[in-house]
Protein backbone atom coordinates (compact mmCIF):
# COMPACT_ATOMS: atom_id res chain seq x y z
CA MET A 1 5.99 19.71 32.09
CA PRO A 2 9.61 20.69 31.43
CA LYS A 3 11.45 22.73 34.01
CA VAL A 4 13.37 24.76 31.44
CA SER A 5 12.55 25.83 27.87
CA ILE A 6 15.27 27.03 25.50
CA VAL A 7 14.50 28.85 22.24
CA VAL A 8 16.94 28.70 19.33
CA PRO A 9 16.25 31.27 16.58
CA VAL A 10 17.82 30.18 13.28
CA PHE A 11 18.63 32.20 10.20
CA ASN A 12 21.09 30.87 7.61
CA THR A 13 23.45 29.11 10.03
CA LYS A 14 23.65 25.72 8.33
CA ASP A 15 27.34 25.37 9.18
CA TYR A 16 26.80 25.96 12.91
CA ILE A 17 23.30 24.83 13.90
CA GLY A 18 24.46 21.22 14.34
CA ASP A 19 26.99 22.19 17.03
CA CYS A 20 24.35 24.25 18.78
CA LEU A 21 21.65 21.56 18.87
CA SER A 22 24.13 18.81 19.77
CA SER A 23 25.24 20.81 22.82
CA LEU A 24 21.64 21.26 23.95
CA ILE A 25 20.68 17.62 23.44
CA ARG A 26 23.68 16.55 25.54
CA GLN A 27 22.68 18.64 28.54
CA THR A 28 23.04 16.97 31.93
CA MET A 29 19.54 18.15 32.81
CA ALA A 30 17.00 16.00 30.97
CA ASP A 31 13.75 17.75 31.92
CA ILE A 32 13.98 20.44 29.26
CA GLU A 33 12.41 21.42 25.96
CA ILE A 34 14.11 23.03 22.99
CA ILE A 35 12.05 25.23 20.67
CA ILE A 36 13.73 25.78 17.29
CA VAL A 37 12.42 28.75 15.30
CA ASN A 38 13.54 28.76 11.66
CA ASP A 39 13.34 32.46 10.84
CA GLY A 40 12.87 32.17 7.08
CA SER A 41 16.31 30.69 6.36
CA THR A 42 17.21 30.51 2.67
CA ASP A 43 20.11 28.07 3.05
CA SER A 44 19.96 24.43 4.12
CA SER A 45 19.50 25.16 7.82
CA ALA A 46 16.13 23.38 7.81
CA THR A 47 17.74 20.20 6.47
CA GLU A 48 20.31 20.27 9.25
CA ILE A 49 17.65 20.90 11.90
CA HIS A 50 15.52 17.93 10.81
CA LYS A 51 18.41 15.58 11.55
CA TYR A 52 17.87 16.29 15.26
CA LEU A 53 14.08 16.22 15.48
CA VAL A 54 14.07 12.54 16.44
CA ASP A 55 14.57 13.80 20.00
CA SER A 56 11.07 14.31 21.40
CA ARG A 57 12.23 17.28 23.49
CA LEU A 58 12.69 19.33 20.32
CA THR A 59 9.88 21.36 18.75
CA TYR A 60 10.26 22.92 15.31
CA ILE A 61 8.57 26.16 14.21
CA GLU A 62 9.10 27.46 10.69
CA LEU A 63 8.36 31.08 9.86
CA GLU A 64 7.44 31.96 6.28
CA HIS A 65 9.39 35.21 6.24
CA ASN A 66 12.43 36.47 8.09
CA VAL A 67 11.25 38.60 11.02
CA GLY A 68 14.55 39.07 12.84
CA THR A 69 15.95 37.56 16.02
CA PHE A 70 13.77 39.64 18.36
CA HIS A 71 10.45 38.48 16.94
CA ALA A 72 11.71 34.93 16.33
CA ARG A 73 12.60 34.60 20.01
CA LEU A 74 9.17 35.89 20.99
CA LYS A 75 7.51 33.29 18.75
CA GLY A 76 9.48 30.60 20.50
CA TRP A 77 8.86 31.87 24.01
CA GLN A 78 5.13 31.97 23.35
CA ALA A 79 5.30 28.19 22.85
CA CYS A 80 7.39 27.51 25.96
CA ARG A 81 6.03 25.52 28.90
CA GLY A 82 8.98 25.59 31.28
CA ASP A 83 9.22 27.32 34.66
CA TYR A 84 12.29 29.08 33.31
CA ILE A 85 12.99 30.17 29.75
CA GLY A 86 16.15 31.06 27.88
CA THR A 87 17.59 31.43 24.40
CA VAL A 88 20.73 30.19 22.66
CA ASP A 89 21.92 31.66 19.36
CA SER A 90 22.12 29.12 16.56
CA ASP A 91 25.81 29.79 15.82
CA ASP A 92 26.84 29.35 19.48
CA TRP A 93 26.93 26.36 21.79
CA VAL A 94 26.84 25.67 25.53
CA GLU A 95 28.67 23.48 28.01
CA PRO A 96 26.91 20.24 29.08
CA ASP A 97 25.93 21.62 32.51
CA PHE A 98 24.80 25.04 31.24
CA ILE A 99 21.07 24.57 31.89
CA GLU A 100 21.41 22.50 35.07
CA THR A 101 23.81 24.97 36.67
CA LEU A 102 21.64 27.99 35.93
CA TYR A 103 18.43 26.24 36.96
CA ASN A 104 19.86 25.04 40.26
CA LEU A 105 21.30 28.48 40.91
CA ALA A 106 17.92 30.09 40.28
CA VAL A 107 16.04 27.60 42.47
CA GLN A 108 18.60 27.81 45.28
CA HIS A 109 18.26 31.59 45.48
CA ASP A 110 14.62 31.79 44.37
CA ALA A 111 15.89 34.11 41.66
CA ASP A 112 13.92 35.51 38.74
CA VAL A 113 17.05 35.71 36.58
CA ALA A 114 20.16 33.50 36.60
CA GLU A 115 23.27 34.24 34.55
CA CYS A 116 26.58 32.57 33.72
CA GLY A 117 29.78 33.83 32.13
CA LEU A 118 30.67 33.67 28.44
CA ILE A 119 33.77 32.59 26.58
CA GLY A 120 34.46 33.84 23.08
CA VAL A 121 35.70 31.37 20.48
CA THR A 122 37.31 32.62 17.27
CA GLU A 123 37.04 30.94 13.87
CA ASN A 124 40.42 29.27 14.38
CA GLY A 125 39.37 27.87 17.76
CA ARG A 126 41.19 30.36 19.97
CA THR A 127 39.30 31.32 23.13
CA GLU A 128 38.91 34.88 24.38
CA VAL A 129 37.45 36.24 27.59
CA ILE A 130 34.50 38.57 26.94
CA PRO A 131 35.29 41.41 29.36
CA TRP A 132 31.99 43.25 29.01
CA ALA A 133 30.13 40.11 30.11
CA ASP A 134 32.08 39.73 33.36
CA HIS A 135 31.00 41.46 36.55
CA ASN A 136 31.20 40.95 40.29
CA HIS A 137 27.49 40.89 41.11
CA ARG A 138 26.73 37.56 42.77
CA PHE A 139 23.20 38.40 43.99
CA VAL A 140 21.19 41.55 43.31
CA SER A 141 17.63 42.34 44.29
CA ASP A 142 14.80 44.77 43.65
CA ASP A 143 15.49 48.26 42.29
CA GLU A 144 19.24 47.71 42.10
CA ILE A 145 18.76 45.26 39.20
CA LEU A 146 17.44 47.78 36.68
CA LYS A 147 19.90 50.42 37.85
CA LEU A 148 22.81 48.08 37.14
CA VAL A 149 21.35 47.10 33.76
CA LEU A 150 21.18 50.76 32.71
CA GLU A 151 24.67 51.37 34.06
CA ARG A 152 25.91 48.27 32.16
CA GLY A 153 26.89 46.62 35.43
CA ILE A 154 24.60 43.77 34.37
CA TRP A 155 24.82 43.21 30.63
CA HIS A 156 21.55 43.03 28.73
CA ILE A 157 22.38 40.05 26.49
CA ALA A 158 19.80 37.26 26.67
CA ALA A 159 21.69 34.13 25.65
CA ASN A 160 23.63 33.41 28.85
CA LYS A 161 20.62 33.67 31.15
CA LEU A 162 17.50 31.91 32.37
CA PHE A 163 14.40 33.98 33.14
CA ARG A 164 11.42 32.96 35.21
CA SER A 165 8.68 32.42 32.63
CA SER A 166 6.22 34.62 34.52
CA LEU A 167 8.42 37.62 33.66
CA PHE A 168 7.70 37.02 29.98
CA SER A 169 3.96 36.74 30.62
CA ALA A 170 4.05 40.04 32.48
CA SER A 171 5.89 41.73 29.58
CA GLU A 172 3.90 40.52 26.57
CA TRP A 173 1.83 43.71 26.43
CA PHE A 174 5.05 45.60 25.78
CA TYR A 175 6.40 43.21 23.15
CA GLN A 176 3.14 43.35 21.22
CA ARG A 177 3.65 47.02 20.37
CA VAL A 178 6.99 46.40 18.64
CA PHE A 179 6.38 45.97 14.92
CA GLU A 180 9.77 46.91 13.46
CA LYS A 181 12.27 44.29 12.44
CA ILE A 182 14.95 44.85 15.07
CA VAL A 183 18.33 43.50 13.96
CA VAL A 184 20.75 45.37 16.24
CA ALA A 185 20.22 45.90 19.99
CA ASP A 186 17.44 43.29 19.98
CA ASP A 187 18.78 41.73 23.19
CA LYS A 188 18.41 45.05 24.97
CA LEU A 189 14.79 45.39 23.88
CA LEU A 190 14.01 41.77 24.74
CA THR A 191 15.50 41.68 28.21
CA PHE A 192 14.76 45.17 29.53
CA PRO A 193 11.13 44.53 30.60
CA LEU A 194 12.18 41.18 32.06
CA PHE A 195 14.79 42.86 34.23
CA ALA A 196 12.31 45.60 35.14
CA SER A 197 9.83 42.98 36.37
CA SER A 198 12.38 40.86 38.23
CA ARG A 199 12.96 41.05 41.96
CA SER A 200 16.12 38.94 42.20
CA PHE A 201 19.16 38.26 40.03
CA VAL A 202 21.93 35.74 40.62
CA SER A 203 25.06 34.98 38.62
CA THR A 204 27.98 32.61 38.47
CA LYS A 205 31.36 33.35 36.94
CA GLN A 206 31.47 29.90 35.38
CA ARG A 207 31.82 30.42 31.63
CA LEU A 208 29.24 27.96 30.33
CA TYR A 209 28.13 29.80 27.19
CA CYS A 210 30.41 29.62 24.14
CA TYR A 211 30.04 32.70 21.98
CA ARG A 212 31.26 32.17 18.43
CA LEU A 213 33.18 35.19 17.11
CA ARG A 214 32.32 35.21 13.40
CA SER A 215 33.64 37.93 11.11
CA GLU A 216 30.56 37.68 8.88
CA SER A 217 28.00 37.77 11.70
CA THR A 218 25.58 40.64 12.17
CA THR A 219 27.37 41.75 15.31
CA HIS A 220 30.88 41.88 13.85
CA ASN A 221 30.43 42.76 10.19
CA ARG A 222 31.88 46.26 9.62
CA VAL A 223 29.93 47.54 6.64
CA VAL A 224 28.26 50.92 6.42
CA GLU A 225 24.74 49.50 6.04
CA HIS A 226 25.16 47.60 9.29
CA ASP A 227 26.44 50.71 11.08
CA LEU A 228 23.52 52.73 9.75
CA ARG A 229 21.19 49.99 10.99
CA HIS A 230 22.97 50.06 14.35
CA ILE A 231 22.15 53.76 14.74
CA GLU A 232 18.52 53.33 13.66
CA ASP A 233 17.79 50.23 15.74
CA SER A 234 19.56 51.54 18.83
CA PHE A 235 17.55 54.76 18.62
CA ASN A 236 14.26 52.85 18.28
CA VAL A 237 15.11 50.45 21.10
CA ASP A 238 15.95 53.31 23.46
CA LYS A 239 12.73 55.05 22.44
CA TYR A 240 10.72 51.94 23.37
CA ILE A 241 12.56 51.67 26.68
CA SER A 242 11.80 55.31 27.46
CA GLU A 243 8.13 54.69 26.72
CA TYR A 244 8.17 51.61 28.94
CA LEU A 245 9.68 53.54 31.84
CA GLY A 246 7.06 56.24 31.40
CA GLU A 247 4.11 53.86 31.33
CA MET A 248 5.40 51.94 34.33
CA GLY A 249 5.90 55.16 36.32
CA LEU A 250 9.66 54.63 36.50
CA LEU A 251 10.97 57.69 34.66
CA SER A 252 11.51 59.73 37.81
CA GLN A 253 13.59 56.91 39.27
CA TYR A 254 15.52 55.76 36.20
CA GLY A 255 15.12 58.53 33.61
CA ASP A 256 18.53 60.14 34.17
CA THR A 257 20.31 56.79 34.17
CA HIS A 258 18.52 55.81 30.97
CA GLU A 259 19.61 59.06 29.30
CA MET A 260 23.19 58.33 30.31
CA ASN A 261 22.81 54.88 28.74
CA VAL A 262 21.55 56.48 25.51
CA ARG A 263 24.56 58.80 25.40
CA GLN A 264 26.83 55.80 25.78
CA GLU A 265 25.12 54.25 22.73
CA ILE A 266 25.87 57.45 20.82
CA LEU A 267 29.54 57.19 21.73
CA LEU A 268 29.62 53.59 20.54
CA SER A 269 28.17 54.70 17.19
CA LEU A 270 30.79 57.44 16.94
CA ARG A 271 33.51 54.90 17.69
CA ASN A 272 32.22 52.83 14.76
CA ILE A 273 32.46 55.89 12.52
CA SER A 274 36.15 56.26 13.35
CA CYS A 275 36.75 53.00 11.43
CA TYR A 276 35.98 54.81 8.16
CA GLU A 277 38.32 57.04 6.17
CA PRO A 278 38.14 60.70 7.30
CA GLY A 279 36.14 62.78 4.84
CA SER A 280 34.69 59.74 3.10
CA HIS A 281 31.12 59.55 1.82
CA ASN A 282 30.28 56.70 4.23
CA ARG A 283 31.61 58.65 7.17
CA ARG A 284 29.42 61.64 6.26
CA ARG A 285 26.40 59.34 5.88
CA LEU A 286 26.92 57.97 9.37
CA TYR A 287 27.43 61.42 10.91
CA ALA A 288 24.23 62.60 9.23
CA LYS A 289 22.29 59.61 10.56
CA ILE A 290 23.49 60.11 14.13
CA VAL A 291 22.67 63.83 14.15
CA GLU A 292 19.33 63.24 12.42
CA ARG A 293 18.31 60.81 15.14
CA TYR A 294 19.92 62.19 18.29
CA LYS A 295 20.39 65.91 17.50
CA ASP A 296 21.85 67.81 20.48
CA ARG A 297 22.25 64.61 22.50
CA VAL A 298 25.31 63.93 20.32
CA LEU A 299 26.93 67.06 21.70
CA LEU A 300 26.03 66.17 25.26
CA ALA A 301 27.49 62.69 24.86
CA LEU A 302 30.76 63.98 23.43
CA HIS A 303 30.96 66.79 25.98
CA GLU A 304 30.64 64.31 28.86
CA ASN A 305 33.15 61.96 27.26
CA VAL A 306 35.72 64.71 26.79
CA LEU A 307 35.30 65.85 30.38
CA ALA A 308 35.79 62.31 31.68
CA SER A 309 38.73 61.78 29.37
CA VAL A 310 40.48 65.00 30.34
CA ASP A 311 40.08 64.13 34.01
CA SER A 312 41.64 60.71 33.48
CA GLY A 313 44.30 61.94 31.08
CA ARG A 314 43.06 59.96 28.07
CA TYR A 315 40.15 59.56 25.66
CA VAL A 316 38.24 56.61 27.04
CA LEU A 317 36.70 55.46 23.76
CA GLY A 318 39.71 56.08 21.57
CA LEU A 319 38.22 59.25 20.08
CA GLU A 320 41.39 61.33 20.29
CA SER A 321 42.28 60.94 16.61
CA GLU A 322 38.67 61.63 15.67
CA LEU A 323 38.65 64.83 17.69
CA GLN A 324 41.95 65.87 16.12
CA VAL A 325 40.42 65.57 12.65
CA LEU A 326 37.25 67.44 13.59
CA ARG A 327 39.21 70.15 15.39
CA LYS A 328 40.68 71.33 12.08
CA HIS A 329 37.18 72.29 10.89
CA VAL A 330 36.28 74.55 13.76
CA VAL A 331 39.23 76.79 14.63
CA GLY A 332 37.85 80.30 15.10
CA ALA A 333 34.27 79.24 15.79
CA GLU A 334 32.14 81.99 17.30
CA ASN A 335 29.05 80.14 18.55
CA SER A 336 29.17 78.36 21.88
CA PHE A 337 28.17 74.84 22.85
CA HIS A 338 25.29 76.21 24.94
CA ALA A 339 23.89 78.18 22.00
CA VAL A 340 23.34 74.94 20.14
CA LEU A 341 21.52 73.33 23.04
CA LYS A 342 19.35 76.42 23.43
CA ASN A 343 18.49 77.10 19.78
CA HIS A 344 18.44 73.55 18.35
CA TYR A 345 20.02 74.32 15.00
CA PRO A 346 18.62 72.20 12.14
CA TYR A 347 20.53 68.96 11.76
CA ALA A 348 21.30 69.79 8.11
CA TYR A 349 23.75 72.42 9.35
CA PHE A 350 25.87 69.66 10.84
CA LEU A 351 26.13 67.76 7.56
CA TYR A 352 28.64 70.31 6.31
CA ARG A 353 30.48 71.06 9.52
CA PRO A 354 30.31 67.88 11.66
CA LEU A 355 30.00 68.43 15.38
CA TYR A 356 30.94 72.08 14.89
CA PHE A 357 29.85 73.43 18.22
CA MET A 358 31.06 70.48 20.24
CA MET A 359 34.57 71.22 19.02
CA LYS A 360 34.28 74.79 20.27
CA LYS A 361 33.74 73.28 23.69
CA VAL A 362 36.71 70.96 23.17
CA GLU A 363 38.86 73.99 22.44
CA ARG A 364 37.81 75.60 25.70
CA LEU A 365 38.43 72.41 27.65
CA VAL A 366 41.90 72.05 26.19
CA PHE A 367 42.89 75.55 27.20
CA SER A 368 41.12 75.41 30.57
CA PHE A 369 42.39 72.10 31.88
CA LYS A 370 45.74 72.10 30.03
CA LYS A 371 45.90 68.35 30.48
CA VAL A 372 45.68 67.25 26.85
CA LYS A 373 49.04 67.42 25.12
CA ASP A 374 50.33 67.44 21.55
CA TRP A 375 47.37 69.14 19.95
């Protein structure tokens, strides 16, 4: 039986899958298995994959239709036999000692989860440190793990980690209720129940996972359809996580922290909106989608962000220009921020006057704290 199983979900990455599989075949740890899941690719990815199947450690699964990375990974993990399981994206690659280092780290500390650092690699070969993937947590145990995940102290990405396989077995009941095709935030949905079930987490700062920064990838492609999907998928993922916490009796312990995490997702979506031309049709579509899904939580998120930003003397997510634009729409507003929270005005109202009541609160903050200049 292999000690470690790695799943590689593949969808239309014919130009990159060879680098990925070569890096896994050359691992210093030999007692591994590699499960390749072709998620309905329409390019020549399958042809490239078959060049590597002479290695008996590789298993090939071909799905008839594209189901998305989340479900493709689950298909692969269901076939795994290793004591620890992991996943590597098909357009990335890993250092030769990636698996051995993480496995030895996990065994040494009897850890349920082991993590390494990432290094970003641009299309022209330039390397970049991934700041959101770096943290100072060497060893974490018990309830502190999930708290740090929700606080983003431990990042929820799956690809730079090994998980004890029993965590997956304990979480299958949860995965089986997810029927949507999750394209964005799939890592968060995949790893959350694993973290919730784990009792020990260990990490190394060694950057052994090479994360390819592709302009055309799902993560980096700035098109309105992707940003709309980001809002929808993030909302659904957070809904599933809330349900999980409720069914596991963890809402009283983690509910507030989870809500804070949701509001941070809202701010990230608003930051994406700021990339579009003010007053444009796409910008209005995105505003409408956020308010449709999150309603008054949008106001809470922005209110908290403005408070934090005023206290620190800056807008932490670069929303200052966005607030300046919105401020022009609300001078002279009569209704207060609290009236919105109390009465839950229909979201259609916001389609014509975006974030109307939040800006009333911004006005009050500006005059109260007198710390924001040049308005």
